[in-house]
Amino acid sequence: MKQINLIKEAEKKYLILLESFFIQKWGETKLWSHDLTHHRRVWSYAKELLQYKDISDPLFVEKLLIACYLHDIGMTIDQSEKHGIHSKKFCELFLANNNINSADYADLLEAIENHDKKEYADLPAKNELILLLSVSDDLDAFGYTGILRYADIYLQRGVAQGDFGRLVLENSEKRFRNFEKAFIGIPKLVDRHRNRYMILREFYSAFNQNQ
């Protein structure tokens, strides 16, 4: 109940502002795999994960909400894996527009800048925001939605069709192992998303064999 109230208060405070800001800055960008609907889903996964975290700080939940909505907005400028630095700058602009001192949001900015480092080993330590943002983002790469999202972003990045299957399998396994490691103590949660991961894996395994 406590988590639900924190989430509701964060959404009441920021959700309309975030969606309006995103729509304005995203503009005519043609990348449906990372558009507003992706960010809405990432926030939905974050809310699911928050149920299993003992977090009582409303500011943390607010920061996580902002991170979920702005982590990929830098793709309006750079659609490579280095888009995080641009997303960070957009987030700084959002904070400034709403008279929020960015000096108090260093962990948020760090999480947004580094969220797409899928090697995970070199992620900033002691930043719970980046863990939850990264895992929530990873969960949206699975299932039937993930199948289409990978195709869209890899095509935009010029990945050769013959490399699709191998690269998706490599990338998605890292994502799933990161999630599994973080929530290994909650088998029901892990099993639910393992099923979604396997949908993606089975599709691209078959795709890979047909190349």
C-alpha atoms as a PDB file:
ATOM      1  CA  MET A   1       0.000   0.000   0.000  1.00  0.00           C
ATOM      2  CA  LYS A   2       2.856   2.357   0.863  1.00  0.00           C
ATOM      3  CA  GLN A   3       4.455   1.830  -2.540  1.00  0.00           C
ATOM      4  CA  ILE A   4       1.155   2.387  -4.330  1.00  0.00           C
ATOM      5  CA  ASN A   5       0.674   5.721  -2.575  1.00  0.00           C
ATOM      6  CA  LEU A   6       4.213   6.845  -3.394  1.00  0.00           C
ATOM      7  CA  ILE A   7       3.667   5.953  -7.039  1.00  0.00           C
ATOM      8  CA  LYS A   8       0.351   7.784  -7.200  1.00  0.00           C
ATOM      9  CA  GLU A   9       1.843  10.912  -5.655  1.00  0.00           C
ATOM     10  CA  ALA A  10       4.805  10.852  -8.069  1.00  0.00           C
ATOM     11  CA  GLU A  11       2.500  10.448 -11.056  1.00  0.00           C
ATOM     12  CA  LYS A  12       0.220  13.236  -9.838  1.00  0.00           C
ATOM     13  CA  LYS A  13       3.210  15.535  -9.583  1.00  0.00           C
ATOM     14  CA  TYR A  14       5.107  14.694 -12.779  1.00  0.00           C
ATOM     15  CA  LEU A  15       3.290  12.433 -15.235  1.00  0.00           C
ATOM     16  CA  ILE A  16       1.542  15.122 -17.299  1.00  0.00           C
ATOM     17  CA  LEU A  17       4.660  17.296 -17.275  1.00  0.00           C
ATOM     18  CA  LEU A  18       6.849  14.426 -18.442  1.00  0.00           C
ATOM     19  CA  GLU A  19       4.540  13.276 -21.230  1.00  0.00           C
ATOM     20  CA  SER A  20       4.104  16.839 -22.507  1.00  0.00           C
ATOM     21  CA  PHE A  21       7.856  17.432 -22.443  1.00  0.00           C
ATOM     22  CA  PHE A  22       8.554  14.131 -24.202  1.00  0.00           C
ATOM     23  CA  ILE A  23       6.000  14.730 -26.955  1.00  0.00           C
ATOM     24  CA  GLN A  24       7.372  18.211 -27.587  1.00  0.00           C
ATOM     25  CA  LYS A  25      11.018  17.138 -27.771  1.00  0.00           C
ATOM     26  CA  TRP A  26      10.425  13.858 -29.629  1.00  0.00           C
ATOM     27  CA  GLY A  27       8.673  15.732 -32.405  1.00  0.00           C
ATOM     28  CA  GLU A  28       8.713  13.908 -35.740  1.00  0.00           C
ATOM     29  CA  THR A  29      11.390  11.379 -34.776  1.00  0.00           C
ATOM     30  CA  LYS A  30      10.748   8.124 -36.655  1.00  0.00           C
ATOM     31  CA  LEU A  31      11.665   5.411 -34.156  1.00  0.00           C
ATOM     32  CA  TRP A  32       8.531   3.761 -32.814  1.00  0.00           C
ATOM     33  CA  SER A  33      10.528   1.229 -30.766  1.00  0.00           C
ATOM     34  CA  HIS A  34      11.642   4.010 -28.422  1.00  0.00           C
ATOM     35  CA  ASP A  35       8.718   6.413 -28.621  1.00  0.00           C
ATOM     36  CA  LEU A  36       6.441   7.479 -25.769  1.00  0.00           C
ATOM     37  CA  THR A  37       4.767   4.065 -25.555  1.00  0.00           C
ATOM     38  CA  HIS A  38       8.130   2.434 -24.806  1.00  0.00           C
ATOM     39  CA  HIS A  39       8.692   4.847 -21.937  1.00  0.00           C
ATOM     40  CA  ARG A  40       5.214   4.228 -20.583  1.00  0.00           C
ATOM     41  CA  ARG A  41       5.889   0.488 -20.564  1.00  0.00           C
ATOM     42  CA  VAL A  42       9.256   0.948 -18.853  1.00  0.00           C
ATOM     43  CA  TRP A  43       7.533   2.917 -16.091  1.00  0.00           C
ATOM     44  CA  SER A  44       4.945   0.138 -15.828  1.00  0.00           C
ATOM     45  CA  TYR A  45       7.722  -2.418 -15.301  1.00  0.00           C
ATOM     46  CA  ALA A  46       9.373  -0.106 -12.779  1.00  0.00           C
ATOM     47  CA  LYS A  47       6.131   0.033 -10.804  1.00  0.00           C
ATOM     48  CA  GLU A  48       6.020  -3.756 -10.838  1.00  0.00           C
ATOM     49  CA  LEU A  49       9.594  -3.977  -9.516  1.00  0.00           C
ATOM     50  CA  LEU A  50       8.950  -1.370  -6.821  1.00  0.00           C
ATOM     51  CA  GLN A  51       6.532  -3.814  -5.185  1.00  0.00           C
ATOM     52  CA  TYR A  52       9.532  -5.932  -4.213  1.00  0.00           C
ATOM     53  CA  LYS A  53      11.696  -3.080  -2.911  1.00  0.00           C
ATOM     54  CA  ASP A  54      11.591  -1.598   0.565  1.00  0.00           C
ATOM     55  CA  ILE A  55      11.618   2.015  -0.565  1.00  0.00           C
ATOM     56  CA  SER A  56       9.933   4.701   1.516  1.00  0.00           C
ATOM     57  CA  ASP A  57      11.535   7.813   0.017  1.00  0.00           C
ATOM     58  CA  PRO A  58       9.053   9.673  -2.218  1.00  0.00           C
ATOM     59  CA  LEU A  59      11.925  11.502  -3.934  1.00  0.00           C
ATOM     60  CA  PHE A  60      13.409   8.200  -5.066  1.00  0.00           C
ATOM     61  CA  VAL A  61      10.127   7.211  -6.704  1.00  0.00           C
ATOM     62  CA  GLU A  62       9.870  10.615  -8.376  1.00  0.00           C
ATOM     63  CA  LYS A  63      13.403  10.267  -9.740  1.00  0.00           C
ATOM     64  CA  LEU A  64      12.647   6.785 -11.048  1.00  0.00           C
ATOM     65  CA  LEU A  65       9.526   8.072 -12.813  1.00  0.00           C
ATOM     66  CA  ILE A  66      11.531  10.856 -14.468  1.00  0.00           C
ATOM     67  CA  ALA A  67      14.267   8.399 -15.462  1.00  0.00           C
ATOM     68  CA  CYS A  68      11.780   5.995 -17.038  1.00  0.00           C
ATOM     69  CA  TYR A  69      10.263   8.758 -19.152  1.00  0.00           C
ATOM     70  CA  LEU A  70      13.452  10.487 -20.283  1.00  0.00           C
ATOM     71  CA  HIS A  71      16.128   7.767 -20.548  1.00  0.00           C
ATOM     72  CA  ASP A  72      15.810   7.343 -24.338  1.00  0.00           C
ATOM     73  CA  ILE A  73      14.717  10.827 -25.369  1.00  0.00           C
ATOM     74  CA  GLY A  74      18.303  11.468 -26.528  1.00  0.00           C
ATOM     75  CA  MET A  75      17.543   9.199 -29.485  1.00  0.00           C
ATOM     76  CA  THR A  76      16.092  12.255 -31.176  1.00  0.00           C
ATOM     77  CA  ILE A  77      19.771  13.188 -31.669  1.00  0.00           C
ATOM     78  CA  ASP A  78      21.747   9.938 -31.564  1.00  0.00           C
ATOM     79  CA  GLN A  79      20.185   6.497 -32.043  1.00  0.00           C
ATOM     80  CA  SER A  80      23.354   4.616 -31.155  1.00  0.00           C
ATOM     81  CA  GLU A  81      24.097   3.055 -27.774  1.00  0.00           C
ATOM     82  CA  LYS A  82      25.688   6.368 -26.746  1.00  0.00           C
ATOM     83  CA  HIS A  83      22.394   8.265 -26.659  1.00  0.00           C
ATOM     84  CA  GLY A  84      22.423   8.389 -22.858  1.00  0.00           C
ATOM     85  CA  ILE A  85      24.536  11.543 -22.722  1.00  0.00           C
ATOM     86  CA  HIS A  86      21.947  13.358 -24.859  1.00  0.00           C
ATOM     87  CA  SER A  87      19.099  12.022 -22.732  1.00  0.00           C
ATOM     88  CA  LYS A  88      20.901  13.390 -19.681  1.00  0.00           C
ATOM     89  CA  LYS A  89      20.988  16.863 -21.251  1.00  0.00           C
ATOM     90  CA  PHE A  90      17.282  16.712 -22.018  1.00  0.00           C
ATOM     91  CA  CYS A  91      16.664  15.698 -18.406  1.00  0.00           C
ATOM     92  CA  GLU A  92      18.691  18.667 -17.195  1.00  0.00           C
ATOM     93  CA  LEU A  93      16.472  20.877 -19.357  1.00  0.00           C
ATOM     94  CA  PHE A  94      13.329  19.285 -17.908  1.00  0.00           C
ATOM     95  CA  LEU A  95      14.585  19.914 -14.373  1.00  0.00           C
ATOM     96  CA  ALA A  96      15.450  23.529 -15.195  1.00  0.00           C
ATOM     97  CA  ASN A  97      12.061  24.118 -16.826  1.00  0.00           C
ATOM     98  CA  ASN A  98      10.402  22.996 -13.612  1.00  0.00           C
ATOM     99  CA  ASN A  99      12.686  24.964 -11.281  1.00  0.00           C
ATOM    100  CA  ILE A 100      14.339  21.833  -9.904  1.00  0.00           C
ATOM    101  CA  ASN A 101      17.954  22.101  -8.771  1.00  0.00           C
ATOM    102  CA  SER A 102      19.860  19.490 -10.812  1.00  0.00           C
ATOM    103  CA  ALA A 103      22.571  19.398  -8.149  1.00  0.00           C
ATOM    104  CA  ASP A 104      20.142  17.394  -6.000  1.00  0.00           C
ATOM    105  CA  TYR A 105      19.495  14.936  -8.843  1.00  0.00           C
ATOM    106  CA  ALA A 106      23.000  13.701  -9.628  1.00  0.00           C
ATOM    107  CA  ASP A 107      21.976  10.057  -9.191  1.00  0.00           C
ATOM    108  CA  LEU A 108      19.095  10.522 -11.648  1.00  0.00           C
ATOM    109  CA  LEU A 109      21.326  12.112 -14.271  1.00  0.00           C
ATOM    110  CA  GLU A 110      23.959   9.411 -13.764  1.00  0.00           C
ATOM    111  CA  ALA A 111      21.343   6.685 -14.211  1.00  0.00           C
ATOM    112  CA  ILE A 112      20.012   8.171 -17.445  1.00  0.00           C
ATOM    113  CA  GLU A 113      23.470   8.681 -18.902  1.00  0.00           C
ATOM    114  CA  ASN A 114      24.596   5.120 -18.160  1.00  0.00           C
ATOM    115  CA  HIS A 115      21.406   3.063 -18.522  1.00  0.00           C
ATOM    116  CA  ASP A 116      22.326   1.529 -21.887  1.00  0.00           C
ATOM    117  CA  LYS A 117      25.665   0.038 -20.841  1.00  0.00           C
ATOM    118  CA  LYS A 118      24.621  -3.568 -21.280  1.00  0.00           C
ATOM    119  CA  GLU A 119      27.922  -4.999 -20.098  1.00  0.00           C
ATOM    120  CA  TYR A 120      26.689  -3.991 -16.610  1.00  0.00           C
ATOM    121  CA  ALA A 121      30.075  -4.547 -14.949  1.00  0.00           C
ATOM    122  CA  ASP A 122      31.105  -0.916 -15.423  1.00  0.00           C
ATOM    123  CA  LEU A 123      27.869   0.651 -14.176  1.00  0.00           C
ATOM    124  CA  PRO A 124      28.166   3.202 -11.356  1.00  0.00           C
ATOM    125  CA  ALA A 125      28.145   1.503  -7.963  1.00  0.00           C
ATOM    126  CA  LYS A 126      25.689   2.305  -5.169  1.00  0.00           C
ATOM    127  CA  ASN A 127      23.057   3.825  -7.430  1.00  0.00           C
ATOM    128  CA  GLU A 128      19.779   1.999  -6.909  1.00  0.00           C
ATOM    129  CA  LEU A 129      18.134   4.171  -9.537  1.00  0.00           C
ATOM    130  CA  ILE A 130      20.283   2.818 -12.328  1.00  0.00           C
ATOM    131  CA  LEU A 131      19.572  -0.752 -11.264  1.00  0.00           C
ATOM    132  CA  LEU A 132      15.800  -0.282 -11.414  1.00  0.00           C
ATOM    133  CA  LEU A 133      15.895   1.830 -14.573  1.00  0.00           C
ATOM    134  CA  SER A 134      18.171  -0.609 -16.359  1.00  0.00           C
ATOM    135  CA  VAL A 135      16.136  -3.667 -15.384  1.00  0.00           C
ATOM    136  CA  SER A 136      12.815  -1.993 -16.248  1.00  0.00           C
ATOM    137  CA  ASP A 137      14.236  -1.050 -19.642  1.00  0.00           C
ATOM    138  CA  ASP A 138      15.528  -4.591 -20.133  1.00  0.00           C
ATOM    139  CA  LEU A 139      12.122  -6.123 -19.439  1.00  0.00           C
ATOM    140  CA  ASP A 140      10.618  -4.205 -22.341  1.00  0.00           C
ATOM    141  CA  ALA A 141      13.038  -5.966 -24.699  1.00  0.00           C
ATOM    142  CA  PHE A 142      11.316  -9.341 -24.161  1.00  0.00           C
ATOM    143  CA  GLY A 143       8.168 -10.958 -25.520  1.00  0.00           C
ATOM    144  CA  TYR A 144       6.455 -10.139 -28.806  1.00  0.00           C
ATOM    145  CA  THR A 145       7.032  -6.428 -28.323  1.00  0.00           C
ATOM    146  CA  GLY A 146      10.741  -7.120 -27.941  1.00  0.00           C
ATOM    147  CA  ILE A 147      10.845  -9.034 -31.225  1.00  0.00           C
ATOM    148  CA  LEU A 148       9.640  -5.967 -33.101  1.00  0.00           C
ATOM    149  CA  ARG A 149      11.619  -3.463 -31.025  1.00  0.00           C
ATOM    150  CA  TYR A 150      14.924  -5.192 -31.757  1.00  0.00           C
ATOM    151  CA  ALA A 151      14.135  -5.275 -35.464  1.00  0.00           C
ATOM    152  CA  ASP A 152      13.303  -1.568 -35.522  1.00  0.00           C
ATOM    153  CA  ILE A 153      16.361  -0.289 -33.668  1.00  0.00           C
ATOM    154  CA  TYR A 154      18.808  -2.648 -35.372  1.00  0.00           C
ATOM    155  CA  LEU A 155      17.529  -1.604 -38.785  1.00  0.00           C
ATOM    156  CA  GLN A 156      17.955   2.032 -37.778  1.00  0.00           C
ATOM    157  CA  ARG A 157      21.525   1.264 -36.717  1.00  0.00           C
ATOM    158  CA  GLY A 158      22.308  -0.436 -40.001  1.00  0.00           C
ATOM    159  CA  VAL A 159      22.805  -3.932 -38.607  1.00  0.00           C
ATOM    160  CA  ALA A 160      23.005  -6.485 -41.424  1.00  0.00           C
ATOM    161  CA  GLN A 161      20.062  -8.879 -41.521  1.00  0.00           C
ATOM    162  CA  GLY A 162      22.409 -11.842 -41.292  1.00  0.00           C
ATOM    163  CA  ASP A 163      23.654 -10.579 -37.934  1.00  0.00           C
ATOM    164  CA  PHE A 164      20.240  -9.922 -36.391  1.00  0.00           C
ATOM    165  CA  GLY A 165      19.686 -13.280 -34.728  1.00  0.00           C
ATOM    166  CA  ARG A 166      23.142 -13.572 -33.199  1.00  0.00           C
ATOM    167  CA  LEU A 167      23.214 -10.008 -31.881  1.00  0.00           C
ATOM    168  CA  VAL A 168      19.704 -10.162 -30.428  1.00  0.00           C
ATOM    169  CA  LEU A 169      20.473 -13.420 -28.663  1.00  0.00           C
ATOM    170  CA  GLU A 170      23.686 -12.033 -27.206  1.00  0.00           C
ATOM    171  CA  ASN A 171      22.167  -8.741 -26.107  1.00  0.00           C
ATOM    172  CA  SER A 172      18.940 -10.155 -24.710  1.00  0.00           C
ATOM    173  CA  GLU A 173      20.770 -12.824 -22.691  1.00  0.00           C
ATOM    174  CA  LYS A 174      22.814 -10.109 -20.964  1.00  0.00           C
ATOM    175  CA  ARG A 175      19.601  -8.254 -20.201  1.00  0.00           C
ATOM    176  CA  PHE A 176      17.879 -11.299 -18.768  1.00  0.00           C
ATOM    177  CA  ARG A 177      20.877 -12.337 -16.652  1.00  0.00           C
ATOM    178  CA  ASN A 178      21.039  -8.807 -15.241  1.00  0.00           C
ATOM    179  CA  PHE A 179      17.361  -8.978 -14.269  1.00  0.00           C
ATOM    180  CA  GLU A 180      17.702 -12.509 -12.905  1.00  0.00           C
ATOM    181  CA  LYS A 181      20.694 -11.564 -10.752  1.00  0.00           C
ATOM    182  CA  ALA A 182      18.907  -8.533  -9.299  1.00  0.00           C
ATOM    183  CA  PHE A 183      15.684 -10.412  -8.433  1.00  0.00           C
ATOM    184  CA  ILE A 184      16.865 -13.998  -7.936  1.00  0.00           C
ATOM    185  CA  GLY A 185      15.132 -14.091  -4.557  1.00  0.00           C
ATOM    186  CA  ILE A 186      11.707 -13.611  -6.145  1.00  0.00           C
ATOM    187  CA  PRO A 187      11.230 -16.737  -8.313  1.00  0.00           C
ATOM    188  CA  LYS A 188       7.628 -15.948  -9.286  1.00  0.00           C
ATOM    189  CA  LEU A 189       8.726 -12.620 -10.784  1.00  0.00           C
ATOM    190  CA  VAL A 190      11.750 -14.133 -12.516  1.00  0.00           C
ATOM    191  CA  ASP A 191       9.715 -17.003 -13.969  1.00  0.00           C
ATOM    192  CA  ARG A 192       7.064 -14.642 -15.337  1.00  0.00           C
ATOM    193  CA  HIS A 193       9.596 -12.642 -17.286  1.00  0.00           C
ATOM    194  CA  ARG A 194      11.663 -15.695 -18.207  1.00  0.00           C
ATOM    195  CA  ASN A 195       8.649 -16.840 -20.216  1.00  0.00           C
ATOM    196  CA  ARG A 196       8.654 -13.514 -22.093  1.00  0.00           C
ATOM    197  CA  TYR A 197      12.411 -13.767 -22.629  1.00  0.00           C
ATOM    198  CA  MET A 198      11.991 -17.257 -24.109  1.00  0.00           C
ATOM    199  CA  ILE A 199       9.415 -15.995 -26.626  1.00  0.00           C
ATOM    200  CA  LEU A 200      12.022 -13.566 -27.922  1.00  0.00           C
ATOM    201  CA  ARG A 201      14.831 -16.116 -27.787  1.00  0.00           C
ATOM    202  CA  GLU A 202      12.907 -18.809 -29.636  1.00  0.00           C
ATOM    203  CA  PHE A 203      11.914 -16.399 -32.415  1.00  0.00           C
ATOM    204  CA  TYR A 204      15.427 -15.118 -33.043  1.00  0.00           C
ATOM    205  CA  SER A 205      16.972 -18.584 -32.676  1.00  0.00           C
ATOM    206  CA  ALA A 206      14.746 -19.752 -35.523  1.00  0.00           C
ATOM    207  CA  PHE A 207      15.466 -16.551 -37.456  1.00  0.00           C
ATOM    208  CA  ASN A 208      19.188 -17.131 -37.018  1.00  0.00           C
ATOM    209  CA  GLN A 209      18.978 -20.702 -38.327  1.00  0.00           C
ATOM    210  CA  ASN A 210      17.215 -19.559 -41.490  1.00  0.00           C
ATOM    211  CA  GLN A 211      19.935 -17.055 -42.490  1.00  0.00           C
END
